Amino acid sequence: MPTETRQLVFSNEELVAALTSHNRMAVDKLFVGRIIGCSVLPEEALTVRLTIRHETTNNDYDMIFGADVIGAALIRYCLEINIPLPRRAQKRFGVVDGHAAISMCFDVHP
């Protein structure tokens, strides 16, 4: 049986937009302030380091997020900008050429 695989790779700007939007909509905020730096760590699992400038103190601080948080933000971002994501597809979050990515795989014949 053939299997279809699809991959979306996000720039750092898109990743920042996704995390900012996700944080704005989340009941439990991930961070307080504005993202001023974003880097995908060179690990097998998707891990992102954000540098955030606190909105009231103007102090900078770093936070590290894993695939659970980043994945939710990327899915929300795709839905917001009308990129279709197949519901039945198995989704994995990882790193491709130093960028956050969603890999989707599903059997063509269920």
PDB file of N, CA and C in Angstrom:
ATOM      1  N   MET A   1       0.828  -1.177   0.000  1.00  0.00           N
ATOM      2  CA  MET A   1       0.000   0.000   0.000  1.00  0.00           C
ATOM      3  C   MET A   1       0.876   1.246   0.000  1.00  0.00           C
ATOM      4  N   PRO A   2       0.606   2.207  -0.859  1.00  0.00           N
ATOM      5  CA  PRO A   2       1.398   3.436  -0.847  1.00  0.00           C
ATOM      6  C   PRO A   2       1.078   4.276   0.387  1.00  0.00           C
ATOM      7  N   THR A   3       2.060   5.018   0.789  1.00  0.00           N
ATOM      8  CA  THR A   3       1.915   5.930   1.911  1.00  0.00           C
ATOM      9  C   THR A   3       2.295   7.317   1.431  1.00  0.00           C
ATOM     10  N   GLU A   4       1.480   8.294   1.785  1.00  0.00           N
ATOM     11  CA  GLU A   4       1.775   9.672   1.395  1.00  0.00           C
ATOM     12  C   GLU A   4       2.471  10.377   2.556  1.00  0.00           C
ATOM     13  N   THR A   5       3.517  11.104   2.230  1.00  0.00           N
ATOM     14  CA  THR A   5       4.241  11.884   3.231  1.00  0.00           C
ATOM     15  C   THR A   5       4.306  13.329   2.760  1.00  0.00           C
ATOM     16  N   ARG A   6       4.084  14.231   3.674  1.00  0.00           N
ATOM     17  CA  ARG A   6       4.118  15.658   3.369  1.00  0.00           C
ATOM     18  C   ARG A   6       4.908  16.339   4.476  1.00  0.00           C
ATOM     19  N   GLN A   7       5.665  17.371   4.109  1.00  0.00           N
ATOM     20  CA  GLN A   7       6.485  18.055   5.103  1.00  0.00           C
ATOM     21  C   GLN A   7       6.360  19.562   4.916  1.00  0.00           C
ATOM     22  N   LEU A   8       6.164  20.249   6.025  1.00  0.00           N
ATOM     23  CA  LEU A   8       6.144  21.713   6.046  1.00  0.00           C
ATOM     24  C   LEU A   8       7.332  22.179   6.868  1.00  0.00           C
ATOM     25  N   VAL A   9       8.145  23.047   6.300  1.00  0.00           N
ATOM     26  CA  VAL A   9       9.322  23.582   6.991  1.00  0.00           C
ATOM     27  C   VAL A   9       9.088  25.074   7.180  1.00  0.00           C
ATOM     28  N   PHE A  10       9.307  25.563   8.399  1.00  0.00           N
ATOM     29  CA  PHE A  10       8.979  26.938   8.763  1.00  0.00           C
ATOM     30  C   PHE A  10      10.244  27.763   8.972  1.00  0.00           C
ATOM     31  N   SER A  11      10.235  28.995   8.483  1.00  0.00           N
ATOM     32  CA  SER A  11      11.339  29.917   8.744  1.00  0.00           C
ATOM     33  C   SER A  11      11.262  30.364  10.204  1.00  0.00           C
ATOM     34  N   ASN A  12      12.325  30.976  10.700  1.00  0.00           N
ATOM     35  CA  ASN A  12      12.306  31.504  12.072  1.00  0.00           C
ATOM     36  C   ASN A  12      11.241  32.584  12.230  1.00  0.00           C
ATOM     37  N   GLU A  13      11.032  33.391  11.192  1.00  0.00           N
ATOM     38  CA  GLU A  13      10.004  34.434  11.257  1.00  0.00           C
ATOM     39  C   GLU A  13       8.616  33.809  11.391  1.00  0.00           C
ATOM     40  N   GLU A  14       8.371  32.737  10.646  1.00  0.00           N
ATOM     41  CA  GLU A  14       7.084  32.049  10.748  1.00  0.00           C
ATOM     42  C   GLU A  14       6.932  31.385  12.114  1.00  0.00           C
ATOM     43  N   LEU A  15       8.009  30.845  12.631  1.00  0.00           N
ATOM     44  CA  LEU A  15       7.984  30.226  13.954  1.00  0.00           C
ATOM     45  C   LEU A  15       7.667  31.262  15.031  1.00  0.00           C
ATOM     46  N   VAL A  16       8.274  32.433  14.943  1.00  0.00           N
ATOM     47  CA  VAL A  16       7.987  33.516  15.896  1.00  0.00           C
ATOM     48  C   VAL A  16       6.527  33.942  15.772  1.00  0.00           C
ATOM     49  N   ALA A  17       6.031  34.085  14.550  1.00  0.00           N
ATOM     50  CA  ALA A  17       4.630  34.461  14.337  1.00  0.00           C
ATOM     51  C   ALA A  17       3.698  33.411  14.938  1.00  0.00           C
ATOM     52  N   ALA A  18       4.030  32.131  14.748  1.00  0.00           N
ATOM     53  CA  ALA A  18       3.209  31.054  15.287  1.00  0.00           C
ATOM     54  C   ALA A  18       3.182  31.083  16.812  1.00  0.00           C
ATOM     55  N   LEU A  19       4.341  31.246  17.428  1.00  0.00           N
ATOM     56  CA  LEU A  19       4.408  31.271  18.894  1.00  0.00           C
ATOM     57  C   LEU A  19       3.740  32.510  19.466  1.00  0.00           C
ATOM     58  N   THR A  20       3.895  33.639  18.812  1.00  0.00           N
ATOM     59  CA  THR A  20       3.253  34.879  19.271  1.00  0.00           C
ATOM     60  C   THR A  20       1.740  34.746  19.214  1.00  0.00           C
ATOM     61  N   SER A  21       1.241  34.240  18.103  1.00  0.00           N
ATOM     62  CA  SER A  21      -0.203  34.055  17.944  1.00  0.00           C
ATOM     63  C   SER A  21      -0.743  33.040  18.944  1.00  0.00           C
ATOM     64  N   HIS A  22      -0.040  31.942  19.100  1.00  0.00           N
ATOM     65  CA  HIS A  22      -0.459  30.904  20.048  1.00  0.00           C
ATOM     66  C   HIS A  22      -0.495  31.459  21.472  1.00  0.00           C
ATOM     67  N   ASN A  23       0.508  32.219  21.838  1.00  0.00           N
ATOM     68  CA  ASN A  23       0.570  32.798  23.180  1.00  0.00           C
ATOM     69  C   ASN A  23      -0.571  33.789  23.406  1.00  0.00           C
ATOM     70  N   ARG A  24      -0.912  34.550  22.381  1.00  0.00           N
ATOM     71  CA  ARG A  24      -1.986  35.542  22.484  1.00  0.00           C
ATOM     72  C   ARG A  24      -3.331  34.857  22.730  1.00  0.00           C
ATOM     73  N   MET A  25      -3.533  33.674  22.130  1.00  0.00           N
ATOM     74  CA  MET A  25      -4.817  32.979  22.227  1.00  0.00           C
ATOM     75  C   MET A  25      -4.892  32.005  23.408  1.00  0.00           C
ATOM     76  N   ALA A  26      -3.757  31.621  23.966  1.00  0.00           N
ATOM     77  CA  ALA A  26      -3.725  30.595  25.013  1.00  0.00           C
ATOM     78  C   ALA A  26      -4.295  31.106  26.333  1.00  0.00           C
ATOM     79  N   VAL A  27      -4.996  30.228  27.013  1.00  0.00           N
ATOM     80  CA  VAL A  27      -5.507  30.559  28.339  1.00  0.00           C
ATOM     81  C   VAL A  27      -4.340  30.713  29.310  1.00  0.00           C
ATOM     82  N   ASP A  28      -3.427  29.736  29.298  1.00  0.00           N
ATOM     83  CA  ASP A  28      -2.222  29.799  30.124  1.00  0.00           C
ATOM     84  C   ASP A  28      -1.085  30.318  29.243  1.00  0.00           C
ATOM     85  N   LYS A  29      -0.652  31.536  29.477  1.00  0.00           N
ATOM     86  CA  LYS A  29       0.375  32.171  28.655  1.00  0.00           C
ATOM     87  C   LYS A  29       1.701  31.443  28.786  1.00  0.00           C
ATOM     88  N   LEU A  30       2.391  31.303  27.662  1.00  0.00           N
ATOM     89  CA  LEU A  30       3.709  30.670  27.644  1.00  0.00           C
ATOM     90  C   LEU A  30       4.777  31.629  28.158  1.00  0.00           C
ATOM     91  N   PHE A  31       4.608  32.906  27.833  1.00  0.00           N
ATOM     92  CA  PHE A  31       5.590  33.914  28.209  1.00  0.00           C
ATOM     93  C   PHE A  31       4.906  35.276  28.267  1.00  0.00           C
ATOM     94  N   VAL A  32       5.571  36.223  28.948  1.00  0.00           N
ATOM     95  CA  VAL A  32       5.081  37.589  29.034  1.00  0.00           C
ATOM     96  C   VAL A  32       6.115  38.475  28.370  1.00  0.00           C
ATOM     97  N   GLY A  33       5.719  39.152  27.307  1.00  0.00           N
ATOM     98  CA  GLY A  33       6.642  40.027  26.613  1.00  0.00           C
ATOM     99  C   GLY A  33       6.651  39.759  25.122  1.00  0.00           C
ATOM    100  N   ARG A  34       7.730  40.191  24.487  1.00  0.00           N
ATOM    101  CA  ARG A  34       7.877  40.110  23.034  1.00  0.00           C
ATOM    102  C   ARG A  34       9.100  39.272  22.703  1.00  0.00           C
ATOM    103  N   ILE A  35       8.952  38.391  21.734  1.00  0.00           N
ATOM    104  CA  ILE A  35      10.069  37.550  21.304  1.00  0.00           C
ATOM    105  C   ILE A  35      11.052  38.424  20.526  1.00  0.00           C
ATOM    106  N   ILE A  36      12.306  38.434  20.976  1.00  0.00           N
ATOM    107  CA  ILE A  36      13.335  39.206  20.264  1.00  0.00           C
ATOM    108  C   ILE A  36      14.405  38.303  19.662  1.00  0.00           C
ATOM    109  N   GLY A  37      14.354  37.022  20.001  1.00  0.00           N
ATOM    110  CA  GLY A  37      15.305  36.065  19.435  1.00  0.00           C
ATOM    111  C   GLY A  37      14.710  34.673  19.437  1.00  0.00           C
ATOM    112  N   CYS A  38      15.009  33.920  18.389  1.00  0.00           N
ATOM    113  CA  CYS A  38      14.469  32.571  18.270  1.00  0.00           C
ATOM    114  C   CYS A  38      15.499  31.696  17.577  1.00  0.00           C
ATOM    115  N   SER A  39      15.814  30.554  18.187  1.00  0.00           N
ATOM    116  CA  SER A  39      16.733  29.628  17.534  1.00  0.00           C
ATOM    117  C   SER A  39      16.289  28.201  17.798  1.00  0.00           C
ATOM    118  N   VAL A  40      16.362  27.410  16.745  1.00  0.00           N
ATOM    119  CA  VAL A  40      16.068  25.986  16.847  1.00  0.00           C
ATOM    120  C   VAL A  40      17.368  25.311  17.272  1.00  0.00           C
ATOM    121  N   LEU A  41      17.322  24.586  18.370  1.00  0.00           N
ATOM    122  CA  LEU A  41      18.528  23.944  18.890  1.00  0.00           C
ATOM    123  C   LEU A  41      18.887  22.723  18.050  1.00  0.00           C
ATOM    124  N   PRO A  42      20.178  22.476  17.877  1.00  0.00           N
ATOM    125  CA  PRO A  42      20.617  21.366  17.019  1.00  0.00           C
ATOM    126  C   PRO A  42      20.504  20.017  17.723  1.00  0.00           C
ATOM    127  N   GLU A  43      19.290  19.584  17.923  1.00  0.00           N
ATOM    128  CA  GLU A  43      19.025  18.301  18.564  1.00  0.00           C
ATOM    129  C   GLU A  43      18.078  17.523  17.673  1.00  0.00           C
ATOM    130  N   GLU A  44      17.967  16.230  17.924  1.00  0.00           N
ATOM    131  CA  GLU A  44      17.038  15.417  17.128  1.00  0.00           C
ATOM    132  C   GLU A  44      15.599  15.828  17.378  1.00  0.00           C
ATOM    133  N   ALA A  45      15.249  16.008  18.628  1.00  0.00           N
ATOM    134  CA  ALA A  45      13.895  16.425  18.966  1.00  0.00           C
ATOM    135  C   ALA A  45      13.779  17.937  18.766  1.00  0.00           C
ATOM    136  N   LEU A  46      12.600  18.371  18.360  1.00  0.00           N
ATOM    137  CA  LEU A  46      12.375  19.801  18.146  1.00  0.00           C
ATOM    138  C   LEU A  46      12.435  20.528  19.485  1.00  0.00           C
ATOM    139  N   THR A  47      13.404  21.409  19.618  1.00  0.00           N
ATOM    140  CA  THR A  47      13.584  22.229  20.805  1.00  0.00           C
ATOM    141  C   THR A  47      13.944  23.633  20.346  1.00  0.00           C
ATOM    142  N   VAL A  48      13.264  24.623  20.921  1.00  0.00           N
ATOM    143  CA  VAL A  48      13.456  26.009  20.500  1.00  0.00           C
ATOM    144  C   VAL A  48      13.802  26.865  21.708  1.00  0.00           C
ATOM    145  N   ARG A  49      14.806  27.723  21.529  1.00  0.00           N
ATOM    146  CA  ARG A  49      15.168  28.694  22.565  1.00  0.00           C
ATOM    147  C   ARG A  49      14.652  30.060  22.119  1.00  0.00           C
ATOM    148  N   LEU A  50      13.857  30.679  22.992  1.00  0.00           N
ATOM    149  CA  LEU A  50      13.355  32.018  22.726  1.00  0.00           C
ATOM    150  C   LEU A  50      14.015  33.000  23.673  1.00  0.00           C
ATOM    151  N   THR A  51      14.380  34.159  23.156  1.00  0.00           N
ATOM    152  CA  THR A  51      14.792  35.275  23.992  1.00  0.00           C
ATOM    153  C   THR A  51      13.621  36.243  23.979  1.00  0.00           C
ATOM    154  N   ILE A  52      13.150  36.581  25.169  1.00  0.00           N
ATOM    155  CA  ILE A  52      11.944  37.382  25.317  1.00  0.00           C
ATOM    156  C   ILE A  52      12.275  38.637  26.101  1.00  0.00           C
ATOM    157  N   ARG A  53      11.736  39.752  25.643  1.00  0.00           N
ATOM    158  CA  ARG A  53      11.873  41.013  26.381  1.00  0.00           C
ATOM    159  C   ARG A  53      10.576  41.223  27.154  1.00  0.00           C
ATOM    160  N   HIS A  54      10.697  41.224  28.490  1.00  0.00           N
ATOM    161  CA  HIS A  54       9.534  41.372  29.363  1.00  0.00           C
ATOM    162  C   HIS A  54       8.845  42.698  29.083  1.00  0.00           C
ATOM    163  N   GLU A  55       7.521  42.686  29.057  1.00  0.00           N
ATOM    164  CA  GLU A  55       6.784  43.880  28.637  1.00  0.00           C
ATOM    165  C   GLU A  55       6.804  45.029  29.649  1.00  0.00           C
ATOM    166  N   THR A  56       7.014  44.753  30.916  1.00  0.00           N
ATOM    167  CA  THR A  56       7.020  45.845  31.886  1.00  0.00           C
ATOM    168  C   THR A  56       8.422  46.218  32.378  1.00  0.00           C
ATOM    169  N   THR A  57       9.284  45.220  32.546  1.00  0.00           N
ATOM    170  CA  THR A  57      10.620  45.513  33.074  1.00  0.00           C
ATOM    171  C   THR A  57      11.647  45.772  31.979  1.00  0.00           C
ATOM    172  N   ASN A  58      11.332  45.371  30.744  1.00  0.00           N
ATOM    173  CA  ASN A  58      12.260  45.456  29.609  1.00  0.00           C
ATOM    174  C   ASN A  58      13.506  44.594  29.788  1.00  0.00           C
ATOM    175  N   ASN A  59      13.495  43.675  30.756  1.00  0.00           N
ATOM    176  CA  ASN A  59      14.589  42.721  30.918  1.00  0.00           C
ATOM    177  C   ASN A  59      14.421  41.585  29.913  1.00  0.00           C
ATOM    178  N   ASP A  60      15.544  41.057  29.438  1.00  0.00           N
ATOM    179  CA  ASP A  60      15.518  39.927  28.518  1.00  0.00           C
ATOM    180  C   ASP A  60      15.709  38.637  29.302  1.00  0.00           C
ATOM    181  N   TYR A  61      15.004  37.592  28.887  1.00  0.00           N
ATOM    182  CA  TYR A  61      15.174  36.274  29.492  1.00  0.00           C
ATOM    183  C   TYR A  61      14.988  35.207  28.425  1.00  0.00           C
ATOM    184  N   ASP A  62      15.567  34.044  28.653  1.00  0.00           N
ATOM    185  CA  ASP A  62      15.483  32.933  27.714  1.00  0.00           C
ATOM    186  C   ASP A  62      14.535  31.873  28.245  1.00  0.00           C
ATOM    187  N   MET A  63      13.823  31.248  27.313  1.00  0.00           N
ATOM    188  CA  MET A  63      12.961  30.118  27.631  1.00  0.00           C
ATOM    189  C   MET A  63      13.188  29.059  26.571  1.00  0.00           C
ATOM    190  N   ILE A  64      13.069  27.801  26.971  1.00  0.00           N
ATOM    191  CA  ILE A  64      13.227  26.696  26.035  1.00  0.00           C
ATOM    192  C   ILE A  64      11.915  25.918  26.001  1.00  0.00           C
ATOM    193  N   PHE A  65      11.453  25.642  24.772  1.00  0.00           N
ATOM    194  CA  PHE A  65      10.213  24.897  24.579  1.00  0.00           C
ATOM    195  C   PHE A  65      10.485  23.667  23.725  1.00  0.00           C
ATOM    196  N   GLY A  66       9.734  22.605  24.009  1.00  0.00           N
ATOM    197  CA  GLY A  66       9.860  21.361  23.260  1.00  0.00           C
ATOM    198  C   GLY A  66       8.773  21.210  22.221  1.00  0.00           C
ATOM    199  N   ALA A  67       8.746  20.035  21.612  1.00  0.00           N
ATOM    200  CA  ALA A  67       7.843  19.756  20.502  1.00  0.00           C
ATOM    201  C   ALA A  67       6.366  19.864  20.880  1.00  0.00           C
ATOM    202  N   ASP A  68       6.027  19.586  22.134  1.00  0.00           N
ATOM    203  CA  ASP A  68       4.615  19.661  22.527  1.00  0.00           C
ATOM    204  C   ASP A  68       4.077  21.084  22.368  1.00  0.00           C
ATOM    205  N   VAL A  69       4.813  22.068  22.833  1.00  0.00           N
ATOM    206  CA  VAL A  69       4.391  23.471  22.735  1.00  0.00           C
ATOM    207  C   VAL A  69       4.557  23.988  21.311  1.00  0.00           C
ATOM    208  N   ILE A  70       5.697  23.723  20.707  1.00  0.00           N
ATOM    209  CA  ILE A  70       5.977  24.206  19.357  1.00  0.00           C
ATOM    210  C   ILE A  70       4.993  23.589  18.367  1.00  0.00           C
ATOM    211  N   GLY A  71       4.719  22.298  18.517  1.00  0.00           N
ATOM    212  CA  GLY A  71       3.777  21.624  17.621  1.00  0.00           C
ATOM    213  C   GLY A  71       2.396  22.233  17.669  1.00  0.00           C
ATOM    214  N   ALA A  72       1.896  22.499  18.862  1.00  0.00           N
ATOM    215  CA  ALA A  72       0.572  23.113  18.993  1.00  0.00           C
ATOM    216  C   ALA A  72       0.542  24.492  18.331  1.00  0.00           C
ATOM    217  N   ALA A  73       1.600  25.260  18.512  1.00  0.00           N
ATOM    218  CA  ALA A  73       1.670  26.595  17.905  1.00  0.00           C
ATOM    219  C   ALA A  73       1.725  26.504  16.381  1.00  0.00           C
ATOM    220  N   LEU A  74       2.482  25.554  15.843  1.00  0.00           N
ATOM    221  CA  LEU A  74       2.582  25.418  14.394  1.00  0.00           C
ATOM    222  C   LEU A  74       1.268  24.948  13.781  1.00  0.00           C
ATOM    223  N   ILE A  75       0.574  24.046  14.452  1.00  0.00           N
ATOM    224  CA  ILE A  75      -0.735  23.608  13.945  1.00  0.00           C
ATOM    225  C   ILE A  75      -1.712  24.775  13.922  1.00  0.00           C
ATOM    226  N   ARG A  76      -1.762  25.547  14.993  1.00  0.00           N
ATOM    227  CA  ARG A  76      -2.655  26.715  15.039  1.00  0.00           C
ATOM    228  C   ARG A  76      -2.299  27.698  13.929  1.00  0.00           C
ATOM    229  N   TYR A  77      -1.000  27.921  13.731  1.00  0.00           N
ATOM    230  CA  TYR A  77      -0.529  28.853  12.691  1.00  0.00           C
ATOM    231  C   TYR A  77      -0.987  28.381  11.308  1.00  0.00           C
ATOM    232  N   CYS A  78      -0.836  27.100  11.035  1.00  0.00           N
ATOM    233  CA  CYS A  78      -1.274  26.566   9.735  1.00  0.00           C
ATOM    234  C   CYS A  78      -2.768  26.780   9.531  1.00  0.00           C
ATOM    235  N   LEU A  79      -3.547  26.530  10.555  1.00  0.00           N
ATOM    236  CA  LEU A  79      -4.991  26.724  10.444  1.00  0.00           C
ATOM    237  C   LEU A  79      -5.330  28.199  10.232  1.00  0.00           C
ATOM    238  N   GLU A  80      -4.626  29.086  10.909  1.00  0.00           N
ATOM    239  CA  GLU A  80      -4.877  30.527  10.763  1.00  0.00           C
ATOM    240  C   GLU A  80      -4.573  31.038   9.359  1.00  0.00           C
ATOM    241  N   ILE A  81      -3.527  30.491   8.725  1.00  0.00           N
ATOM    242  CA  ILE A  81      -3.165  30.991   7.393  1.00  0.00           C
ATOM    243  C   ILE A  81      -3.630  30.042   6.282  1.00  0.00           C
ATOM    244  N   ASN A  82      -4.588  29.179   6.638  1.00  0.00           N
ATOM    245  CA  ASN A  82      -5.279  28.312   5.673  1.00  0.00           C
ATOM    246  C   ASN A  82      -4.385  27.302   4.961  1.00  0.00           C
ATOM    247  N   ILE A  83      -3.454  26.719   5.700  1.00  0.00           N
ATOM    248  CA  ILE A  83      -2.690  25.583   5.175  1.00  0.00           C
ATOM    249  C   ILE A  83      -3.410  24.328   5.662  1.00  0.00           C
ATOM    250  N   PRO A  84      -3.923  23.516   4.733  1.00  0.00           N
ATOM    251  CA  PRO A  84      -4.669  22.333   5.171  1.00  0.00           C
ATOM    252  C   PRO A  84      -3.763  21.283   5.817  1.00  0.00           C
ATOM    253  N   LEU A  85      -4.254  20.732   6.908  1.00  0.00           N
ATOM    254  CA  LEU A  85      -3.557  19.650   7.612  1.00  0.00           C
ATOM    255  C   LEU A  85      -4.515  18.464   7.684  1.00  0.00           C
ATOM    256  N   PRO A  86      -4.173  17.357   7.038  1.00  0.00           N
ATOM    257  CA  PRO A  86      -5.076  16.195   7.069  1.00  0.00           C
ATOM    258  C   PRO A  86      -5.256  15.669   8.491  1.00  0.00           C
ATOM    259  N   ARG A  87      -6.486  15.523   8.907  1.00  0.00           N
ATOM    260  CA  ARG A  87      -6.772  15.044  10.260  1.00  0.00           C
ATOM    261  C   ARG A  87      -6.232  13.648  10.506  1.00  0.00           C
ATOM    262  N   ARG A  88      -6.369  12.784   9.506  1.00  0.00           N
ATOM    263  CA  ARG A  88      -5.979  11.385   9.671  1.00  0.00           C
ATOM    264  C   ARG A  88      -4.474  11.184   9.665  1.00  0.00           C
ATOM    265  N   ALA A  89      -3.752  12.182   9.236  1.00  0.00           N
ATOM    266  CA  ALA A  89      -2.302  12.031   9.117  1.00  0.00           C
ATOM    267  C   ALA A  89      -1.646  11.966  10.496  1.00  0.00           C
ATOM    268  N   GLN A  90      -0.641  11.128  10.592  1.00  0.00           N
ATOM    269  CA  GLN A  90       0.186  11.088  11.796  1.00  0.00           C
ATOM    270  C   GLN A  90       1.168  12.253  11.674  1.00  0.00           C
ATOM    271  N   LYS A  91       1.200  13.117  12.672  1.00  0.00           N
ATOM    272  CA  LYS A  91       2.045  14.309  12.614  1.00  0.00           C
ATOM    273  C   LYS A  91       3.237  14.153  13.550  1.00  0.00           C
ATOM    274  N   ARG A  92       4.404  14.502  13.027  1.00  0.00           N
ATOM    275  CA  ARG A  92       5.631  14.502  13.830  1.00  0.00           C
ATOM    276  C   ARG A  92       6.277  15.857  13.680  1.00  0.00           C
ATOM    277  N   PHE A  93       6.855  16.318  14.760  1.00  0.00           N
ATOM    278  CA  PHE A  93       7.506  17.625  14.772  1.00  0.00           C
ATOM    279  C   PHE A  93       9.002  17.411  14.923  1.00  0.00           C
ATOM    280  N   GLY A  94       9.763  18.049  14.065  1.00  0.00           N
ATOM    281  CA  GLY A  94      11.199  17.846  14.094  1.00  0.00           C
ATOM    282  C   GLY A  94      11.948  19.024  13.504  1.00  0.00           C
ATOM    283  N   VAL A  95      13.212  18.767  13.170  1.00  0.00           N
ATOM    284  CA  VAL A  95      14.102  19.798  12.648  1.00  0.00           C
ATOM    285  C   VAL A  95      14.571  19.361  11.259  1.00  0.00           C
ATOM    286  N   VAL A  96      14.463  20.271  10.290  1.00  0.00           N
ATOM    287  CA  VAL A  96      14.935  20.030   8.932  1.00  0.00           C
ATOM    288  C   VAL A  96      15.830  21.201   8.541  1.00  0.00           C
ATOM    289  N   ASP A  97      17.090  20.918   8.298  1.00  0.00           N
ATOM    290  CA  ASP A  97      18.063  21.957   7.926  1.00  0.00           C
ATOM    291  C   ASP A  97      18.046  23.140   8.898  1.00  0.00           C
ATOM    292  N   GLY A  98      17.911  22.853  10.186  1.00  0.00           N
ATOM    293  CA  GLY A  98      17.946  23.890  11.206  1.00  0.00           C
ATOM    294  C   GLY A  98      16.651  24.651  11.395  1.00  0.00           C
ATOM    295  N   HIS A  99      15.568  24.169  10.797  1.00  0.00           N
ATOM    296  CA  HIS A  99      14.273  24.841  10.907  1.00  0.00           C
ATOM    297  C   HIS A  99      13.221  23.888  11.468  1.00  0.00           C
ATOM    298  N   ALA A 100      12.235  24.450  12.173  1.00  0.00           N
ATOM    299  CA  ALA A 100      11.134  23.645  12.697  1.00  0.00           C
ATOM    300  C   ALA A 100      10.312  23.112  11.529  1.00  0.00           C
ATOM    301  N   ALA A 101       9.834  21.881  11.680  1.00  0.00           N
ATOM    302  CA  ALA A 101       9.076  21.253  10.598  1.00  0.00           C
ATOM    303  C   ALA A 101       7.985  20.338  11.157  1.00  0.00           C
ATOM    304  N   ILE A 102       6.935  20.202  10.359  1.00  0.00           N
ATOM    305  CA  ILE A 102       5.885  19.215  10.617  1.00  0.00           C
ATOM    306  C   ILE A 102       5.973  18.193   9.489  1.00  0.00           C
ATOM    307  N   SER A 103       6.081  16.934   9.853  1.00  0.00           N
ATOM    308  CA  SER A 103       6.027  15.852   8.861  1.00  0.00           C
ATOM    309  C   SER A 103       4.713  15.116   9.075  1.00  0.00           C
ATOM    310  N   MET A 104       3.982  14.929   7.986  1.00  0.00           N
ATOM    311  CA  MET A 104       2.700  14.256   8.055  1.00  0.00           C
ATOM    312  C   MET A 104       2.744  13.013   7.176  1.00  0.00           C
ATOM    313  N   CYS A 105       2.233  11.927   7.701  1.00  0.00           N
ATOM    314  CA  CYS A 105       2.256  10.664   6.978  1.00  0.00           C
ATOM    315  C   CYS A 105       0.917   9.970   7.171  1.00  0.00           C
ATOM    316  N   PHE A 106       0.338   9.500   6.071  1.00  0.00           N
ATOM    317  CA  PHE A 106      -0.871   8.703   6.214  1.00  0.00           C
ATOM    318  C   PHE A 106      -0.987   7.737   5.046  1.00  0.00           C
ATOM    319  N   ASP A 107      -1.647   6.626   5.327  1.00  0.00           N
ATOM    320  CA  ASP A 107      -1.862   5.616   4.303  1.00  0.00           C
ATOM    321  C   ASP A 107      -2.914   6.114   3.332  1.00  0.00           C
ATOM    322  N   VAL A 108      -2.647   5.928   2.052  1.00  0.00           N
ATOM    323  CA  VAL A 108      -3.613   6.327   1.034  1.00  0.00           C
ATOM    324  C   VAL A 108      -4.843   5.451   1.107  1.00  0.00           C
ATOM    325  N   HIS A 109      -4.652   4.163   1.409  1.00  0.00           N
ATOM    326  CA  HIS A 109      -5.775   3.217   1.543  1.00  0.00           C
ATOM    327  C   HIS A 109      -5.949   2.857   3.007  1.00  0.00           C
ATOM    328  N   PRO A 110      -7.022   3.366   3.632  1.00  0.00           N
ATOM    329  CA  PRO A 110      -7.222   3.087   5.071  1.00  0.00           C
ATOM    330  C   PRO A 110      -7.450   1.644   5.386  1.00  0.00           C
TER     331      PRO A 110
END
